[in-house]
């Protein structure tokens, strides 16, 4: 669910394919992360390069340390959108 929130927040209405390619992954790779929840180290590093404010600890384990309250709020709001 956390990777879906990240995509929804940063894709800003764009497609999954555009978001994935924007961070150097394929839409198939990203789709697998969303469906199966196994986020690879390579994907984490790609995401971190393009969105350094997202904590990989948050993606993997839900640990919010180091993330701003505003970012966490934005992620919750993005996740709630259809």
PDB file of N, CA and C in Angstrom:
ATOM      1  N   UNK A   1       0.819  -1.197   0.000  1.00  0.00           N
ATOM      2  CA  UNK A   1       0.000   0.000   0.000  1.00  0.00           C
ATOM      3  C   UNK A   1       0.864   1.263   0.000  1.00  0.00           C
ATOM      4  N   UNK A   2       2.043   1.205   0.639  1.00  0.00           N
ATOM      5  CA  UNK A   2       2.877   2.400   0.695  1.00  0.00           C
ATOM      6  C   UNK A   2       3.426   2.765  -0.681  1.00  0.00           C
ATOM      7  N   UNK A   3       3.785   1.770  -1.491  1.00  0.00           N
ATOM      8  CA  UNK A   3       4.293   2.101  -2.829  1.00  0.00           C
ATOM      9  C   UNK A   3       3.187   2.696  -3.697  1.00  0.00           C
ATOM     10  N   UNK A   4       1.965   2.280  -3.491  1.00  0.00           N
ATOM     11  CA  UNK A   4       0.838   2.860  -4.224  1.00  0.00           C
ATOM     12  C   UNK A   4       0.666   4.326  -3.832  1.00  0.00           C
ATOM     13  N   UNK A   5       0.795   4.612  -2.546  1.00  0.00           N
ATOM     14  CA  UNK A   5       0.680   5.998  -2.076  1.00  0.00           C
ATOM     15  C   UNK A   5       1.762   6.875  -2.698  1.00  0.00           C
ATOM     16  N   UNK A   6       2.973   6.354  -2.797  1.00  0.00           N
ATOM     17  CA  UNK A   6       4.069   7.115  -3.405  1.00  0.00           C
ATOM     18  C   UNK A   6       3.742   7.427  -4.862  1.00  0.00           C
ATOM     19  N   UNK A   7       3.311   6.416  -5.590  1.00  0.00           N
ATOM     20  CA  UNK A   7       2.965   6.646  -7.004  1.00  0.00           C
ATOM     21  C   UNK A   7       1.845   7.662  -7.141  1.00  0.00           C
ATOM     22  N   UNK A   8       0.799   7.500  -6.352  1.00  0.00           N
ATOM     23  CA  UNK A   8      -0.334   8.423  -6.455  1.00  0.00           C
ATOM     24  C   UNK A   8       0.079   9.851  -6.129  1.00  0.00           C
ATOM     25  N   UNK A   9       0.964  10.009  -5.156  1.00  0.00           N
ATOM     26  CA  UNK A   9       1.410  11.352  -4.782  1.00  0.00           C
ATOM     27  C   UNK A   9       2.260  11.978  -5.874  1.00  0.00           C
ATOM     28  N   UNK A  10       3.215  11.250  -6.396  1.00  0.00           N
ATOM     29  CA  UNK A  10       4.170  11.831  -7.329  1.00  0.00           C
ATOM     30  C   UNK A  10       3.784  11.713  -8.792  1.00  0.00           C
ATOM     31  N   UNK A  11       2.884  10.823  -9.144  1.00  0.00           N
ATOM     32  CA  UNK A  11       2.446  10.720 -10.540  1.00  0.00           C
ATOM     33  C   UNK A  11       1.541  11.888 -10.899  1.00  0.00           C
ATOM     34  N   UNK A  12       0.892  12.459  -9.902  1.00  0.00           N
ATOM     35  CA  UNK A  12       0.013  13.616 -10.081  1.00  0.00           C
ATOM     36  C   UNK A  12      -0.937  13.444 -11.260  1.00  0.00           C
ATOM     37  N   UNK A  13      -1.648  12.326 -11.244  1.00  0.00           N
ATOM     38  CA  UNK A  13      -2.632  12.063 -12.285  1.00  0.00           C
ATOM     39  C   UNK A  13      -2.067  11.382 -13.512  1.00  0.00           C
ATOM     40  N   UNK A  14      -0.754  11.212 -13.549  1.00  0.00           N
ATOM     41  CA  UNK A  14      -0.137  10.533 -14.687  1.00  0.00           C
ATOM     42  C   UNK A  14      -0.302   9.028 -14.582  1.00  0.00           C
ATOM     43  N   UNK A  15       0.171   8.349 -15.556  1.00  0.00           N
ATOM     44  CA  UNK A  15       0.038   6.897 -15.589  1.00  0.00           C
ATOM     45  C   UNK A  15       1.113   6.211 -14.754  1.00  0.00           C
ATOM     46  N   UNK A  16       0.846   4.952 -14.429  1.00  0.00           N
ATOM     47  CA  UNK A  16       1.842   4.153 -13.728  1.00  0.00           C
ATOM     48  C   UNK A  16       3.086   4.022 -14.601  1.00  0.00           C
ATOM     49  N   UNK A  17       2.881   3.835 -15.890  1.00  0.00           N
ATOM     50  CA  UNK A  17       4.005   3.685 -16.807  1.00  0.00           C
ATOM     51  C   UNK A  17       4.891   4.927 -16.793  1.00  0.00           C
ATOM     52  N   UNK A  18       4.295   6.097 -16.877  1.00  0.00           N
ATOM     53  CA  UNK A  18       5.069   7.338 -16.870  1.00  0.00           C
ATOM     54  C   UNK A  18       5.818   7.509 -15.553  1.00  0.00           C
ATOM     55  N   UNK A  19       5.158   7.194 -14.450  1.00  0.00           N
ATOM     56  CA  UNK A  19       5.811   7.301 -13.147  1.00  0.00           C
ATOM     57  C   UNK A  19       7.005   6.353 -13.069  1.00  0.00           C
ATOM     58  N   UNK A  20       6.783   5.092 -13.422  1.00  0.00           N
ATOM     59  CA  UNK A  20       7.851   4.081 -13.345  1.00  0.00           C
ATOM     60  C   UNK A  20       9.034   4.472 -14.228  1.00  0.00           C
ATOM     61  N   UNK A  21       8.751   4.852 -15.461  1.00  0.00           N
ATOM     62  CA  UNK A  21       9.834   5.231 -16.366  1.00  0.00           C
ATOM     63  C   UNK A  21      10.560   6.473 -15.866  1.00  0.00           C
ATOM     64  N   UNK A  22       9.840   7.347 -15.188  1.00  0.00           N
ATOM     65  CA  UNK A  22      10.443   8.562 -14.642  1.00  0.00           C
ATOM     66  C   UNK A  22      11.484   8.290 -13.564  1.00  0.00           C
ATOM     67  N   UNK A  23      11.387   7.144 -12.916  1.00  0.00           N
ATOM     68  CA  UNK A  23      12.391   6.793 -11.908  1.00  0.00           C
ATOM     69  C   UNK A  23      13.313   5.674 -12.394  1.00  0.00           C
ATOM     70  N   UNK A  24      13.195   5.324 -13.678  1.00  0.00           N
ATOM     71  CA  UNK A  24      14.120   4.361 -14.255  1.00  0.00           C
ATOM     72  C   UNK A  24      13.705   2.902 -14.164  1.00  0.00           C
ATOM     73  N   UNK A  25      12.423   2.660 -13.971  1.00  0.00           N
ATOM     74  CA  UNK A  25      11.905   1.288 -13.909  1.00  0.00           C
ATOM     75  C   UNK A  25      10.868   1.095 -15.005  1.00  0.00           C
ATOM     76  N   UNK A  26      10.483  -0.142 -15.230  1.00  0.00           N
ATOM     77  CA  UNK A  26       9.411  -0.402 -16.192  1.00  0.00           C
ATOM     78  C   UNK A  26       8.076  -0.416 -15.450  1.00  0.00           C
ATOM     79  N   UNK A  27       6.996  -0.233 -16.190  1.00  0.00           N
ATOM     80  CA  UNK A  27       5.680  -0.293 -15.564  1.00  0.00           C
ATOM     81  C   UNK A  27       5.396  -1.698 -15.031  1.00  0.00           C
ATOM     82  N   UNK A  28       5.941  -2.713 -15.683  1.00  0.00           N
ATOM     83  CA  UNK A  28       5.764  -4.084 -15.201  1.00  0.00           C
ATOM     84  C   UNK A  28       6.443  -4.278 -13.842  1.00  0.00           C
ATOM     85  N   UNK A  29       7.656  -3.744 -13.696  1.00  0.00           N
ATOM     86  CA  UNK A  29       8.348  -3.834 -12.405  1.00  0.00           C
ATOM     87  C   UNK A  29       7.521  -3.158 -11.318  1.00  0.00           C
ATOM     88  N   UNK A  30       7.090  -1.924 -11.606  1.00  0.00           N
ATOM     89  CA  UNK A  30       6.345  -1.172 -10.591  1.00  0.00           C
ATOM     90  C   UNK A  30       5.038  -1.874 -10.254  1.00  0.00           C
ATOM     91  N   UNK A  31       4.357  -2.376 -11.263  1.00  0.00           N
ATOM     92  CA  UNK A  31       3.106  -3.087 -11.041  1.00  0.00           C
ATOM     93  C   UNK A  31       3.322  -4.294 -10.126  1.00  0.00           C
ATOM     94  N   UNK A  32       4.417  -5.005 -10.332  1.00  0.00           N
ATOM     95  CA  UNK A  32       4.732  -6.142  -9.460  1.00  0.00           C
ATOM     96  C   UNK A  32       4.913  -5.708  -8.014  1.00  0.00           C
ATOM     97  N   UNK A  33       5.554  -4.558  -7.805  1.00  0.00           N
ATOM     98  CA  UNK A  33       5.731  -4.051  -6.437  1.00  0.00           C
ATOM     99  C   UNK A  33       4.376  -3.738  -5.811  1.00  0.00           C
ATOM    100  N   UNK A  34       3.501  -3.130  -6.591  1.00  0.00           N
ATOM    101  CA  UNK A  34       2.186  -2.773  -6.055  1.00  0.00           C
ATOM    102  C   UNK A  34       1.350  -4.017  -5.766  1.00  0.00           C
ATOM    103  N   UNK A  35       1.421  -5.020  -6.614  1.00  0.00           N
ATOM    104  CA  UNK A  35       0.599  -6.214  -6.435  1.00  0.00           C
ATOM    105  C   UNK A  35       1.152  -7.172  -5.384  1.00  0.00           C
ATOM    106  N   UNK A  36       2.465  -7.313  -5.347  1.00  0.00           N
ATOM    107  CA  UNK A  36       3.067  -8.326  -4.477  1.00  0.00           C
ATOM    108  C   UNK A  36       3.747  -7.759  -3.238  1.00  0.00           C
ATOM    109  N   UNK A  37       3.983  -6.461  -3.199  1.00  0.00           N
ATOM    110  CA  UNK A  37       4.549  -5.831  -2.015  1.00  0.00           C
ATOM    111  C   UNK A  37       6.023  -6.088  -1.764  1.00  0.00           C
ATOM    112  N   UNK A  38       6.713  -6.733  -2.694  1.00  0.00           N
ATOM    113  CA  UNK A  38       8.142  -6.988  -2.520  1.00  0.00           C
ATOM    114  C   UNK A  38       8.919  -5.927  -3.282  1.00  0.00           C
ATOM    115  N   UNK A  39       9.418  -4.946  -2.552  1.00  0.00           N
ATOM    116  CA  UNK A  39      10.102  -3.805  -3.143  1.00  0.00           C
ATOM    117  C   UNK A  39      11.598  -4.063  -3.096  1.00  0.00           C
ATOM    118  N   UNK A  40      12.232  -4.189  -4.252  1.00  0.00           N
ATOM    119  CA  UNK A  40      13.644  -4.558  -4.327  1.00  0.00           C
ATOM    120  C   UNK A  40      14.570  -3.408  -3.935  1.00  0.00           C
ATOM    121  N   UNK A  41      15.795  -3.747  -3.612  1.00  0.00           N
ATOM    122  CA  UNK A  41      16.810  -2.739  -3.287  1.00  0.00           C
ATOM    123  C   UNK A  41      17.073  -1.846  -4.500  1.00  0.00           C
ATOM    124  N   UNK A  42      17.110  -2.420  -5.689  1.00  0.00           N
ATOM    125  CA  UNK A  42      17.329  -1.635  -6.915  1.00  0.00           C
ATOM    126  C   UNK A  42      16.213  -0.606  -7.086  1.00  0.00           C
ATOM    127  N   UNK A  43      14.981  -1.031  -6.882  1.00  0.00           N
ATOM    128  CA  UNK A  43      13.848  -0.113  -7.000  1.00  0.00           C
ATOM    129  C   UNK A  43      13.905   0.959  -5.915  1.00  0.00           C
ATOM    130  N   UNK A  44      14.285   0.563  -4.711  1.00  0.00           N
ATOM    131  CA  UNK A  44      14.394   1.516  -3.609  1.00  0.00           C
ATOM    132  C   UNK A  44      15.428   2.587  -3.934  1.00  0.00           C
ATOM    133  N   UNK A  45      16.552   2.173  -4.485  1.00  0.00           N
ATOM    134  CA  UNK A  45      17.590   3.139  -4.848  1.00  0.00           C
ATOM    135  C   UNK A  45      17.131   4.057  -5.978  1.00  0.00           C
ATOM    136  N   UNK A  46      16.411   3.505  -6.951  1.00  0.00           N
ATOM    137  CA  UNK A  46      15.884   4.327  -8.044  1.00  0.00           C
ATOM    138  C   UNK A  46      14.889   5.346  -7.516  1.00  0.00           C
ATOM    139  N   UNK A  47      14.021   4.912  -6.632  1.00  0.00           N
ATOM    140  CA  UNK A  47      13.034   5.821  -6.044  1.00  0.00           C
ATOM    141  C   UNK A  47      13.733   6.906  -5.231  1.00  0.00           C
ATOM    142  N   UNK A  48      14.723   6.509  -4.460  1.00  0.00           N
ATOM    143  CA  UNK A  48      15.452   7.444  -3.590  1.00  0.00           C
ATOM    144  C   UNK A  48      16.176   8.530  -4.392  1.00  0.00           C
ATOM    145  N   UNK A  49      16.701   8.179  -5.565  1.00  0.00           N
ATOM    146  CA  UNK A  49      17.384   9.166  -6.411  1.00  0.00           C
ATOM    147  C   UNK A  49      16.413  10.264  -6.844  1.00  0.00           C
ATOM    148  N   UNK A  50      15.211   9.871  -7.209  1.00  0.00           N
ATOM    149  CA  UNK A  50      14.243  10.832  -7.743  1.00  0.00           C
ATOM    150  C   UNK A  50      13.360  11.470  -6.676  1.00  0.00           C
ATOM    151  N   UNK A  51      13.196  10.819  -5.553  1.00  0.00           N
ATOM    152  CA  UNK A  51      12.353  11.337  -4.464  1.00  0.00           C
ATOM    153  C   UNK A  51      13.065  11.091  -3.128  1.00  0.00           C
ATOM    154  N   UNK A  52      14.132  11.859  -2.871  1.00  0.00           N
ATOM    155  CA  UNK A  52      14.957  11.603  -1.677  1.00  0.00           C
ATOM    156  C   UNK A  52      14.243  11.833  -0.347  1.00  0.00           C
ATOM    157  N   UNK A  53      13.111  12.485  -0.376  1.00  0.00           N
ATOM    158  CA  UNK A  53      12.376  12.715   0.874  1.00  0.00           C
ATOM    159  C   UNK A  53      11.579  11.490   1.328  1.00  0.00           C
ATOM    160  N   UNK A  54      11.451  10.495   0.453  1.00  0.00           N
ATOM    161  CA  UNK A  54      10.775   9.248   0.830  1.00  0.00           C
ATOM    162  C   UNK A  54      11.776   8.334   1.513  1.00  0.00           C
ATOM    163  N   UNK A  55      11.448   7.910   2.708  1.00  0.00           N
ATOM    164  CA  UNK A  55      12.324   7.016   3.454  1.00  0.00           C
ATOM    165  C   UNK A  55      12.127   5.576   2.975  1.00  0.00           C
ATOM    166  N   UNK A  56      13.224   4.931   2.643  1.00  0.00           N
ATOM    167  CA  UNK A  56      13.145   3.529   2.240  1.00  0.00           C
ATOM    168  C   UNK A  56      12.698   2.682   3.432  1.00  0.00           C
ATOM    169  N   UNK A  57      13.070   3.095   4.637  1.00  0.00           N
ATOM    170  CA  UNK A  57      12.579   2.402   5.834  1.00  0.00           C
ATOM    171  C   UNK A  57      11.054   2.469   5.903  1.00  0.00           C
ATOM    172  N   UNK A  58      10.475   3.554   5.464  1.00  0.00           N
ATOM    173  CA  UNK A  58       9.014   3.679   5.457  1.00  0.00           C
ATOM    174  C   UNK A  58       8.423   2.730   4.405  1.00  0.00           C
ATOM    175  N   UNK A  59       9.048   2.701   3.216  1.00  0.00           N
ATOM    176  CA  UNK A  59       8.557   1.804   2.162  1.00  0.00           C
ATOM    177  C   UNK A  59       8.592   0.354   2.639  1.00  0.00           C
ATOM    178  N   UNK A  60       9.727  -0.069   3.192  1.00  0.00           N
ATOM    179  CA  UNK A  60       9.893  -1.473   3.576  1.00  0.00           C
ATOM    180  C   UNK A  60       9.168  -1.844   4.859  1.00  0.00           C
ATOM    181  N   UNK A  61       9.254  -0.994   5.890  1.00  0.00           N
ATOM    182  CA  UNK A  61       8.760  -1.396   7.209  1.00  0.00           C
ATOM    183  C   UNK A  61       7.728  -0.453   7.830  1.00  0.00           C
ATOM    184  N   UNK A  62       7.464   0.666   7.201  1.00  0.00           N
ATOM    185  CA  UNK A  62       6.504   1.601   7.768  1.00  0.00           C
ATOM    186  C   UNK A  62       7.092   2.542   8.802  1.00  0.00           C
ATOM    187  N   UNK A  63       8.419   2.558   8.929  1.00  0.00           N
ATOM    188  CA  UNK A  63       9.102   3.423   9.898  1.00  0.00           C
ATOM    189  C   UNK A  63       9.095   4.863   9.385  1.00  0.00           C
ATOM    190  N   UNK A  64       8.520   5.773  10.140  1.00  0.00           N
ATOM    191  CA  UNK A  64       8.366   7.163   9.692  1.00  0.00           C
ATOM    192  C   UNK A  64       9.499   8.086  10.135  1.00  0.00           C
ATOM    193  N   UNK A  65      10.471   7.561  10.833  1.00  0.00           N
ATOM    194  CA  UNK A  65      11.579   8.389  11.330  1.00  0.00           C
ATOM    195  C   UNK A  65      12.246   9.133  10.170  1.00  0.00           C
ATOM    196  N   UNK A  66      12.415  10.424  10.339  1.00  0.00           N
ATOM    197  CA  UNK A  66      13.070  11.241   9.326  1.00  0.00           C
ATOM    198  C   UNK A  66      12.140  11.821   8.274  1.00  0.00           C
ATOM    199  N   UNK A  67      10.882  11.435   8.296  1.00  0.00           N
ATOM    200  CA  UNK A  67       9.928  11.967   7.323  1.00  0.00           C
ATOM    201  C   UNK A  67       9.114  13.073   7.986  1.00  0.00           C
ATOM    202  N   UNK A  68       8.827  14.108   7.228  1.00  0.00           N
ATOM    203  CA  UNK A  68       8.080  15.227   7.790  1.00  0.00           C
ATOM    204  C   UNK A  68       6.606  14.865   7.953  1.00  0.00           C
ATOM    205  N   UNK A  69       5.975  15.539   8.899  1.00  0.00           N
ATOM    206  CA  UNK A  69       4.541  15.334   9.108  1.00  0.00           C
ATOM    207  C   UNK A  69       3.751  15.696   7.851  1.00  0.00           C
ATOM    208  N   UNK A  70       4.191  16.741   7.153  1.00  0.00           N
ATOM    209  CA  UNK A  70       3.496  17.176   5.943  1.00  0.00           C
ATOM    210  C   UNK A  70       3.566  16.086   4.864  1.00  0.00           C
ATOM    211  N   UNK A  71       4.737  15.497   4.677  1.00  0.00           N
ATOM    212  CA  UNK A  71       4.878  14.439   3.683  1.00  0.00           C
ATOM    213  C   UNK A  71       4.016  13.233   4.050  1.00  0.00           C
ATOM    214  N   UNK A  72       4.015  12.862   5.303  1.00  0.00           N
ATOM    215  CA  UNK A  72       3.187  11.734   5.736  1.00  0.00           C
ATOM    216  C   UNK A  72       1.703  12.022   5.495  1.00  0.00           C
ATOM    217  N   UNK A  73       1.285  13.251   5.765  1.00  0.00           N
ATOM    218  CA  UNK A  73      -0.107  13.649   5.511  1.00  0.00           C
ATOM    219  C   UNK A  73      -0.411  13.558   4.011  1.00  0.00           C
ATOM    220  N   UNK A  74       0.513  14.075   3.169  1.00  0.00           N
ATOM    221  CA  UNK A  74       0.309  14.023   1.724  1.00  0.00           C
ATOM    222  C   UNK A  74       0.215  12.576   1.227  1.00  0.00           C
ATOM    223  N   UNK A  75       1.033  11.708   1.773  1.00  0.00           N
ATOM    224  CA  UNK A  75       0.987  10.301   1.383  1.00  0.00           C
ATOM    225  C   UNK A  75      -0.331   9.651   1.804  1.00  0.00           C
ATOM    226  N   UNK A  76      -0.805   9.966   3.003  1.00  0.00           N
ATOM    227  CA  UNK A  76      -2.099   9.417   3.457  1.00  0.00           C
ATOM    228  C   UNK A  76      -3.225   9.910   2.562  1.00  0.00           C
ATOM    229  N   UNK A  77      -3.202  11.185   2.231  1.00  0.00           N
ATOM    230  CA  UNK A  77      -4.230  11.756   1.344  1.00  0.00           C
ATOM    231  C   UNK A  77      -4.178  11.107  -0.038  1.00  0.00           C
ATOM    232  N   UNK A  78      -2.984  10.937  -0.573  1.00  0.00           N
ATOM    233  CA  UNK A  78      -2.826  10.322  -1.894  1.00  0.00           C
ATOM    234  C   UNK A  78      -3.338   8.887  -1.878  1.00  0.00           C
ATOM    235  N   UNK A  79      -3.031   8.154  -0.821  1.00  0.00           N
ATOM    236  CA  UNK A  79      -3.461   6.755  -0.712  1.00  0.00           C
ATOM    237  C   UNK A  79      -4.981   6.642  -0.658  1.00  0.00           C
ATOM    238  N   UNK A  80      -5.631   7.629  -0.075  1.00  0.00           N
ATOM    239  CA  UNK A  80      -7.093   7.590   0.088  1.00  0.00           C
ATOM    240  C   UNK A  80      -7.832   7.879  -1.208  1.00  0.00           C
ATOM    241  N   UNK A  81      -7.154   8.492  -2.176  1.00  0.00           N
ATOM    242  CA  UNK A  81      -7.801   8.829  -3.443  1.00  0.00           C
ATOM    243  C   UNK A  81      -7.959   7.578  -4.301  1.00  0.00           C
ATOM    244  N   UNK A  82      -9.047   7.544  -5.027  1.00  0.00           N
ATOM    245  CA  UNK A  82      -9.311   6.415  -5.939  1.00  0.00           C
ATOM    246  C   UNK A  82      -8.409   6.454  -7.127  1.00  0.00           C
TER     247      UNK A  82
END
